[in-house]
C-alpha atoms as a PDB file:
ATOM      1  CA  UNK A   1      13.258 -29.337 -73.058  1.00  0.00           C
ATOM      2  CA  UNK A   2      11.730 -26.118 -71.779  1.00  0.00           C
ATOM      3  CA  UNK A   3      10.786 -28.144 -68.436  1.00  0.00           C
ATOM      4  CA  UNK A   4      14.395 -29.629 -68.398  1.00  0.00           C
ATOM      5  CA  UNK A   5      15.707 -26.015 -68.608  1.00  0.00           C
ATOM      6  CA  UNK A   6      13.724 -24.721 -65.934  1.00  0.00           C
ATOM      7  CA  UNK A   7      14.879 -27.500 -63.686  1.00  0.00           C
ATOM      8  CA  UNK A   8      18.469 -26.879 -64.398  1.00  0.00           C
ATOM      9  CA  UNK A   9      17.581 -23.116 -63.460  1.00  0.00           C
ATOM     10  CA  UNK A  10      15.869 -23.863 -60.239  1.00  0.00           C
ATOM     11  CA  UNK A  11      18.722 -26.438 -59.357  1.00  0.00           C
ATOM     12  CA  UNK A  12      21.622 -23.642 -59.940  1.00  0.00           C
ATOM     13  CA  UNK A  13      19.657 -21.111 -58.086  1.00  0.00           C
ATOM     14  CA  UNK A  14      18.893 -22.846 -54.944  1.00  0.00           C
ATOM     15  CA  UNK A  15      22.523 -24.287 -54.994  1.00  0.00           C
ATOM     16  CA  UNK A  16      23.794 -20.697 -55.300  1.00  0.00           C
ATOM     17  CA  UNK A  17      21.383 -19.832 -52.619  1.00  0.00           C
ATOM     18  CA  UNK A  18      21.403 -22.359 -49.907  1.00  0.00           C
ATOM     19  CA  UNK A  19      19.429 -22.042 -46.878  1.00  0.00           C
ATOM     20  CA  UNK A  20      22.226 -20.688 -44.857  1.00  0.00           C
ATOM     21  CA  UNK A  21      22.946 -18.300 -47.154  1.00  0.00           C
ATOM     22  CA  UNK A  22      19.300 -17.260 -47.277  1.00  0.00           C
ATOM     23  CA  UNK A  23      18.855 -16.545 -43.758  1.00  0.00           C
ATOM     24  CA  UNK A  24      20.166 -13.493 -42.284  1.00  0.00           C
ATOM     25  CA  UNK A  25      21.407 -13.773 -38.764  1.00  0.00           C
ATOM     26  CA  UNK A  26      21.930 -10.714 -36.557  1.00  0.00           C
ATOM     27  CA  UNK A  27      25.471  -8.464 -37.582  1.00  0.00           C
ATOM     28  CA  UNK A  28      27.473  -7.607 -34.541  1.00  0.00           C
ATOM     29  CA  UNK A  29      26.033  -4.133 -34.857  1.00  0.00           C
ATOM     30  CA  UNK A  30      22.523  -5.057 -34.772  1.00  0.00           C
ATOM     31  CA  UNK A  31      23.412  -7.035 -31.572  1.00  0.00           C
ATOM     32  CA  UNK A  32      25.260  -4.135 -30.040  1.00  0.00           C
ATOM     33  CA  UNK A  33      22.225  -1.841 -30.383  1.00  0.00           C
ATOM     34  CA  UNK A  34      19.897  -4.440 -29.129  1.00  0.00           C
ATOM     35  CA  UNK A  35      18.121  -3.641 -25.858  1.00  0.00           C
ATOM     36  CA  UNK A  36      15.564  -5.474 -23.672  1.00  0.00           C
ATOM     37  CA  UNK A  37      14.735  -8.764 -24.620  1.00  0.00           C
ATOM     38  CA  UNK A  38      16.553  -8.779 -27.918  1.00  0.00           C
ATOM     39  CA  UNK A  39      19.734  -8.157 -25.989  1.00  0.00           C
ATOM     40  CA  UNK A  40      18.980 -10.736 -23.119  1.00  0.00           C
ATOM     41  CA  UNK A  41      18.471 -13.054 -26.122  1.00  0.00           C
ATOM     42  CA  UNK A  42      21.492 -12.449 -27.800  1.00  0.00           C
ATOM     43  CA  UNK A  43      23.205 -13.015 -24.574  1.00  0.00           C
ATOM     44  CA  UNK A  44      21.689 -15.933 -23.396  1.00  0.00           C
ATOM     45  CA  UNK A  45      20.745 -14.230 -20.402  1.00  0.00           C
ATOM     46  CA  UNK A  46      17.835 -16.191 -18.839  1.00  0.00           C
ATOM     47  CA  UNK A  47      17.436 -14.070 -15.731  1.00  0.00           C
ATOM     48  CA  UNK A  48      17.382 -11.067 -17.606  1.00  0.00           C
ATOM     49  CA  UNK A  49      14.492 -12.500 -19.777  1.00  0.00           C
ATOM     50  CA  UNK A  50      12.472 -13.568 -16.742  1.00  0.00           C
ATOM     51  CA  UNK A  51      12.935 -10.389 -15.200  1.00  0.00           C
ATOM     52  CA  UNK A  52      11.791  -8.315 -18.377  1.00  0.00           C
ATOM     53  CA  UNK A  53       8.716 -10.716 -18.769  1.00  0.00           C
ATOM     54  CA  UNK A  54       7.832  -9.718 -15.284  1.00  0.00           C
ATOM     55  CA  UNK A  55       7.881  -6.009 -16.226  1.00  0.00           C
ATOM     56  CA  UNK A  56       5.930  -6.734 -19.491  1.00  0.00           C
ATOM     57  CA  UNK A  57       8.258  -6.978 -22.164  1.00  0.00           C
ATOM     58  CA  UNK A  58       6.989  -7.886 -25.579  1.00  0.00           C
ATOM     59  CA  UNK A  59       8.036 -11.404 -26.307  1.00  0.00           C
ATOM     60  CA  UNK A  60       7.134 -11.302 -29.959  1.00  0.00           C
ATOM     61  CA  UNK A  61       8.864  -7.812 -30.729  1.00  0.00           C
ATOM     62  CA  UNK A  62      10.520  -7.474 -33.938  1.00  0.00           C
ATOM     63  CA  UNK A  63      13.899  -5.820 -34.931  1.00  0.00           C
ATOM     64  CA  UNK A  64      14.237  -4.382 -38.065  1.00  0.00           C
ATOM     65  CA  UNK A  65      14.774  -7.856 -40.051  1.00  0.00           C
ATOM     66  CA  UNK A  66      11.470  -9.096 -38.180  1.00  0.00           C
ATOM     67  CA  UNK A  67      13.549 -11.264 -35.685  1.00  0.00           C
ATOM     68  CA  UNK A  68      11.930 -11.703 -32.601  1.00  0.00           C
ATOM     69  CA  UNK A  69      13.796 -12.567 -29.237  1.00  0.00           C
ATOM     70  CA  UNK A  70      13.435 -16.214 -29.948  1.00  0.00           C
ATOM     71  CA  UNK A  71      14.900 -16.082 -33.540  1.00  0.00           C
ATOM     72  CA  UNK A  72      18.012 -14.019 -32.097  1.00  0.00           C
ATOM     73  CA  UNK A  73      18.404 -16.770 -29.343  1.00  0.00           C
ATOM     74  CA  UNK A  74      18.439 -19.491 -31.866  1.00  0.00           C
ATOM     75  CA  UNK A  75      20.796 -17.747 -34.112  1.00  0.00           C
ATOM     76  CA  UNK A  76      22.899 -17.070 -31.184  1.00  0.00           C
ATOM     77  CA  UNK A  77      22.596 -20.975 -30.332  1.00  0.00           C
ATOM     78  CA  UNK A  78      21.314 -20.013 -26.582  1.00  0.00           C
ATOM     79  CA  UNK A  79      19.095 -23.006 -26.237  1.00  0.00           C
ATOM     80  CA  UNK A  80      18.066 -21.820 -22.705  1.00  0.00           C
ATOM     81  CA  UNK A  81      17.290 -18.623 -23.591  1.00  0.00           C
ATOM     82  CA  UNK A  82      14.946 -20.202 -26.375  1.00  0.00           C
ATOM     83  CA  UNK A  83      13.250 -22.586 -23.675  1.00  0.00           C
ATOM     84  CA  UNK A  84      12.817 -19.486 -21.352  1.00  0.00           C
ATOM     85  CA  UNK A  85      11.115 -17.324 -24.126  1.00  0.00           C
ATOM     86  CA  UNK A  86       8.969 -20.273 -25.381  1.00  0.00           C
ATOM     87  CA  UNK A  87       8.110 -21.015 -21.667  1.00  0.00           C
ATOM     88  CA  UNK A  88       7.076 -17.345 -21.221  1.00  0.00           C
ATOM     89  CA  UNK A  89       4.878 -17.325 -23.879  1.00  0.00           C
ATOM     90  CA  UNK A  90       6.876 -16.375 -27.096  1.00  0.00           C
ATOM     91  CA  UNK A  91       5.252 -17.442 -30.421  1.00  0.00           C
ATOM     92  CA  UNK A  92       7.852 -20.511 -31.912  1.00  0.00           C
ATOM     93  CA  UNK A  93       5.830 -20.146 -35.227  1.00  0.00           C
ATOM     94  CA  UNK A  94       6.571 -16.442 -36.113  1.00  0.00           C
ATOM     95  CA  UNK A  95       8.623 -16.285 -39.176  1.00  0.00           C
ATOM     96  CA  UNK A  96      11.444 -13.328 -39.770  1.00  0.00           C
ATOM     97  CA  UNK A  97      11.596 -11.494 -43.233  1.00  0.00           C
ATOM     98  CA  UNK A  98      12.912 -14.512 -44.952  1.00  0.00           C
ATOM     99  CA  UNK A  99      10.214 -16.501 -43.703  1.00  0.00           C
ATOM    100  CA  UNK A 100      12.349 -18.779 -41.129  1.00  0.00           C
ATOM    101  CA  UNK A 101      11.046 -19.860 -37.941  1.00  0.00           C
ATOM    102  CA  UNK A 102      13.497 -20.791 -35.057  1.00  0.00           C
ATOM    103  CA  UNK A 103      13.089 -24.387 -35.817  1.00  0.00           C
ATOM    104  CA  UNK A 104      14.616 -24.184 -39.169  1.00  0.00           C
ATOM    105  CA  UNK A 105      17.119 -21.610 -38.158  1.00  0.00           C
ATOM    106  CA  UNK A 106      18.652 -24.152 -35.903  1.00  0.00           C
ATOM    107  CA  UNK A 107      18.121 -26.878 -38.225  1.00  0.00           C
ATOM    108  CA  UNK A 108      20.220 -24.867 -40.972  1.00  0.00           C
ATOM    109  CA  UNK A 109      22.843 -24.244 -38.317  1.00  0.00           C
ATOM    110  CA  UNK A 110      23.437 -27.934 -37.470  1.00  0.00           C
ATOM    111  CA  UNK A 111      22.800 -26.776 -33.936  1.00  0.00           C
ATOM    112  CA  UNK A 112      21.308 -30.046 -32.210  1.00  0.00           C
ATOM    113  CA  UNK A 113      21.233 -28.655 -28.795  1.00  0.00           C
ATOM    114  CA  UNK A 114      19.529 -25.857 -29.648  1.00  0.00           C
ATOM    115  CA  UNK A 115      16.831 -27.840 -31.946  1.00  0.00           C
ATOM    116  CA  UNK A 116      16.442 -30.140 -28.847  1.00  0.00           C
ATOM    117  CA  UNK A 117      15.520 -27.304 -26.488  1.00  0.00           C
ATOM    118  CA  UNK A 118      13.020 -25.780 -29.026  1.00  0.00           C
ATOM    119  CA  UNK A 119      11.478 -28.928 -29.746  1.00  0.00           C
ATOM    120  CA  UNK A 120      11.484 -29.990 -25.918  1.00  0.00           C
ATOM    121  CA  UNK A 121       9.522 -26.323 -25.177  1.00  0.00           C
ATOM    122  CA  UNK A 122       7.097 -27.023 -27.875  1.00  0.00           C
ATOM    123  CA  UNK A 123       7.879 -25.714 -30.791  1.00  0.00           C
ATOM    124  CA  UNK A 124       6.782 -27.526 -34.129  1.00  0.00           C
ATOM    125  CA  UNK A 125       8.922 -29.292 -36.555  1.00  0.00           C
ATOM    126  CA  UNK A 126       5.735 -29.019 -39.064  1.00  0.00           C
ATOM    127  CA  UNK A 127       6.036 -25.453 -40.147  1.00  0.00           C
ATOM    128  CA  UNK A 128       6.073 -24.399 -43.683  1.00  0.00           C
ATOM    129  CA  UNK A 129       9.180 -21.861 -44.308  1.00  0.00           C
ATOM    130  CA  UNK A 130      11.299 -19.979 -46.338  1.00  0.00           C
ATOM    131  CA  UNK A 131      10.648 -18.568 -49.799  1.00  0.00           C
ATOM    132  CA  UNK A 132      10.654 -21.950 -51.324  1.00  0.00           C
ATOM    133  CA  UNK A 133       7.504 -23.288 -49.060  1.00  0.00           C
ATOM    134  CA  UNK A 134       9.844 -25.708 -47.670  1.00  0.00           C
ATOM    135  CA  UNK A 135      10.240 -27.276 -44.242  1.00  0.00           C
ATOM    136  CA  UNK A 136      13.019 -27.519 -41.462  1.00  0.00           C
ATOM    137  CA  UNK A 137      13.418 -31.220 -42.472  1.00  0.00           C
ATOM    138  CA  UNK A 138      13.796 -30.205 -46.090  1.00  0.00           C
ATOM    139  CA  UNK A 139      16.582 -27.549 -45.299  1.00  0.00           C
ATOM    140  CA  UNK A 140      18.338 -30.257 -42.915  1.00  0.00           C
ATOM    141  CA  UNK A 141      18.440 -32.720 -45.767  1.00  0.00           C
ATOM    142  CA  UNK A 142      19.566 -30.497 -48.209  1.00  0.00           C
ATOM    143  CA  UNK A 143      22.492 -29.663 -45.947  1.00  0.00           C
ATOM    144  CA  UNK A 144      23.016 -33.303 -45.005  1.00  0.00           C
ATOM    145  CA  UNK A 145      22.788 -32.505 -41.220  1.00  0.00           C
ATOM    146  CA  UNK A 146      21.726 -36.225 -40.483  1.00  0.00           C
ATOM    147  CA  UNK A 147      21.538 -35.494 -36.571  1.00  0.00           C
ATOM    148  CA  UNK A 148      19.154 -32.810 -37.228  1.00  0.00           C
ATOM    149  CA  UNK A 149      17.248 -34.733 -39.688  1.00  0.00           C
ATOM    150  CA  UNK A 150      17.207 -37.516 -37.170  1.00  0.00           C
ATOM    151  CA  UNK A 151      15.469 -35.004 -34.285  1.00  0.00           C
ATOM    152  CA  UNK A 152      13.110 -33.731 -36.893  1.00  0.00           C
ATOM    153  CA  UNK A 153      11.963 -37.000 -37.797  1.00  0.00           C
ATOM    154  CA  UNK A 154      11.214 -38.052 -34.090  1.00  0.00           C
ATOM    155  CA  UNK A 155       9.457 -35.037 -33.676  1.00  0.00           C
ATOM    156  CA  UNK A 156       7.023 -35.398 -36.219  1.00  0.00           C
ATOM    157  CA  UNK A 157       8.200 -33.485 -39.164  1.00  0.00           C
ATOM    158  CA  UNK A 158       6.302 -34.106 -42.554  1.00  0.00           C
ATOM    159  CA  UNK A 159       8.704 -36.654 -44.407  1.00  0.00           C
ATOM    160  CA  UNK A 160       6.972 -35.982 -48.079  1.00  0.00           C
ATOM    161  CA  UNK A 161       6.462 -32.482 -47.878  1.00  0.00           C
ATOM    162  CA  UNK A 162       6.980 -31.106 -51.667  1.00  0.00           C
ATOM    163  CA  UNK A 163       8.018 -27.871 -51.618  1.00  0.00           C
ATOM    164  CA  UNK A 164       7.483 -25.156 -54.784  1.00  0.00           C
ATOM    165  CA  UNK A 165      10.466 -26.681 -56.525  1.00  0.00           C
ATOM    166  CA  UNK A 166       8.332 -29.925 -56.405  1.00  0.00           C
ATOM    167  CA  UNK A 167      11.228 -31.327 -54.228  1.00  0.00           C
ATOM    168  CA  UNK A 168      10.927 -33.631 -50.969  1.00  0.00           C
ATOM    169  CA  UNK A 169      13.630 -33.821 -48.339  1.00  0.00           C
ATOM    170  CA  UNK A 170      14.699 -37.203 -50.120  1.00  0.00           C
ATOM    171  CA  UNK A 171      15.168 -35.869 -53.552  1.00  0.00           C
ATOM    172  CA  UNK A 172      17.076 -32.410 -51.750  1.00  0.00           C
ATOM    173  CA  UNK A 173      19.353 -34.908 -49.989  1.00  0.00           C
ATOM    174  CA  UNK A 174      20.224 -36.583 -53.342  1.00  0.00           C
ATOM    175  CA  UNK A 175      20.473 -33.853 -55.839  1.00  0.00           C
ATOM    176  CA  UNK A 176      21.478 -31.068 -53.709  1.00  0.00           C
ATOM    177  CA  UNK A 177      24.164 -32.896 -51.585  1.00  0.00           C
ATOM    178  CA  UNK A 178      27.544 -34.637 -52.841  1.00  0.00           C
ATOM    179  CA  UNK A 179      27.011 -38.074 -51.938  1.00  0.00           C
ATOM    180  CA  UNK A 180      29.068 -37.874 -48.731  1.00  0.00           C
ATOM    181  CA  UNK A 181      28.446 -39.830 -45.734  1.00  0.00           C
ATOM    182  CA  UNK A 182      26.380 -37.036 -44.021  1.00  0.00           C
ATOM    183  CA  UNK A 183      24.127 -36.893 -46.749  1.00  0.00           C
ATOM    184  CA  UNK A 184      23.862 -40.666 -47.315  1.00  0.00           C
ATOM    185  CA  UNK A 185      23.054 -40.778 -43.356  1.00  0.00           C
ATOM    186  CA  UNK A 186      20.437 -38.386 -44.011  1.00  0.00           C
ATOM    187  CA  UNK A 187      18.961 -40.736 -46.957  1.00  0.00           C
ATOM    188  CA  UNK A 188      19.010 -43.833 -44.856  1.00  0.00           C
ATOM    189  CA  UNK A 189      17.165 -41.729 -41.847  1.00  0.00           C
ATOM    190  CA  UNK A 190      14.543 -40.708 -44.100  1.00  0.00           C
ATOM    191  CA  UNK A 191      13.888 -44.197 -45.821  1.00  0.00           C
ATOM    192  CA  UNK A 192      14.114 -45.737 -42.686  1.00  0.00           C
ATOM    193  CA  UNK A 193      11.515 -43.294 -41.270  1.00  0.00           C
ATOM    194  CA  UNK A 194       9.326 -44.190 -44.253  1.00  0.00           C
ATOM    195  CA  UNK A 195       9.899 -41.282 -46.584  1.00  0.00           C
ATOM    196  CA  UNK A 196       8.188 -42.004 -50.067  1.00  0.00           C
ATOM    197  CA  UNK A 197      11.017 -42.773 -52.289  1.00  0.00           C
ATOM    198  CA  UNK A 198       8.256 -42.899 -55.283  1.00  0.00           C
ATOM    199  CA  UNK A 199       7.482 -39.563 -55.044  1.00  0.00           C
ATOM    200  CA  UNK A 200       9.347 -37.681 -58.267  1.00  0.00           C
ATOM    201  CA  UNK A 201      10.107 -34.331 -59.212  1.00  0.00           C
ATOM    202  CA  UNK A 202       8.544 -32.037 -61.644  1.00  0.00           C
ATOM    203  CA  UNK A 203       9.527 -34.506 -64.683  1.00  0.00           C
ATOM    204  CA  UNK A 204       8.958 -37.733 -62.532  1.00  0.00           C
ATOM    205  CA  UNK A 205      12.390 -38.330 -61.535  1.00  0.00           C
ATOM    206  CA  UNK A 206      12.403 -40.373 -58.570  1.00  0.00           C
ATOM    207  CA  UNK A 207      15.217 -39.785 -55.763  1.00  0.00           C
ATOM    208  CA  UNK A 208      16.588 -43.233 -56.574  1.00  0.00           C
ATOM    209  CA  UNK A 209      16.973 -42.303 -60.213  1.00  0.00           C
ATOM    210  CA  UNK A 210      18.754 -38.925 -59.528  1.00  0.00           C
ATOM    211  CA  UNK A 211      21.053 -41.018 -57.168  1.00  0.00           C
ATOM    212  CA  UNK A 212      21.865 -43.683 -59.863  1.00  0.00           C
ATOM    213  CA  UNK A 213      22.552 -40.967 -62.429  1.00  0.00           C
ATOM    214  CA  UNK A 214      25.040 -39.427 -60.255  1.00  0.00           C
ATOM    215  CA  UNK A 215      26.790 -42.743 -59.330  1.00  0.00           C
ATOM    216  CA  UNK A 216      25.679 -42.597 -55.512  1.00  0.00           C
ATOM    217  CA  UNK A 217      26.086 -46.129 -54.778  1.00  0.00           C
ATOM    218  CA  UNK A 218      25.586 -46.002 -51.127  1.00  0.00           C
ATOM    219  CA  UNK A 219      22.491 -43.957 -51.372  1.00  0.00           C
ATOM    220  CA  UNK A 220      21.133 -46.695 -53.966  1.00  0.00           C
ATOM    221  CA  UNK A 221      21.456 -49.048 -51.523  1.00  0.00           C
ATOM    222  CA  UNK A 222      19.864 -47.168 -48.774  1.00  0.00           C
ATOM    223  CA  UNK A 223      16.807 -46.666 -50.921  1.00  0.00           C
ATOM    224  CA  UNK A 224      17.350 -50.289 -52.623  1.00  0.00           C
ATOM    225  CA  UNK A 225      14.395 -51.911 -50.513  1.00  0.00           C
ATOM    226  CA  UNK A 226      11.922 -49.152 -51.120  1.00  0.00           C
ATOM    227  CA  UNK A 227      12.594 -48.564 -54.941  1.00  0.00           C
ATOM    228  CA  UNK A 228      11.876 -52.155 -56.167  1.00  0.00           C
ATOM    229  CA  UNK A 229      15.413 -52.351 -57.601  1.00  0.00           C
END
């Protein structure tokens, strides 16, 4: 019973505080106060970025929330600026104060173009991020961002990473989604890629069983070939 209560509280907490809510994009006032690379990144000004780099600007400088110019470019959906920063030597693995990297920021924003730009420039889809010790793939699966999920899978994201809530991307797609089309497509993509549907939560409940309890028939069908049902 104690474990069931703990699981319920964890589910309530993460539902109330989604990855999107947990992230902190720069505010309008912060953006207006930016100078140097942060300002150029926010504006998506690739020429200014190159010029500032030539002048020796710090590519990994932090603002008050620990955001680097790369984080800012990603929050502002400036894929070309993100590419320019990484090409110039920006560290794509740095985390802001909420422990998010650029790839996870793009994943949560459902921003496929910027995500593609980051991944094409060498950014990793394998980092452990957020207070939940998750991954960009888990965050995207949680939100049903099926296009992002497919891009991350193609980039080698770990399919079966277990976060500190004892949930995988497949579990989150089931229990934190609404059973709708995009979450169904997320489950299909994960299963097709080889995600292990036998990995259960702390109580041993598998994604298939969670879907069965919720009446998510399309998810059950997607997992049927790997569930043994």
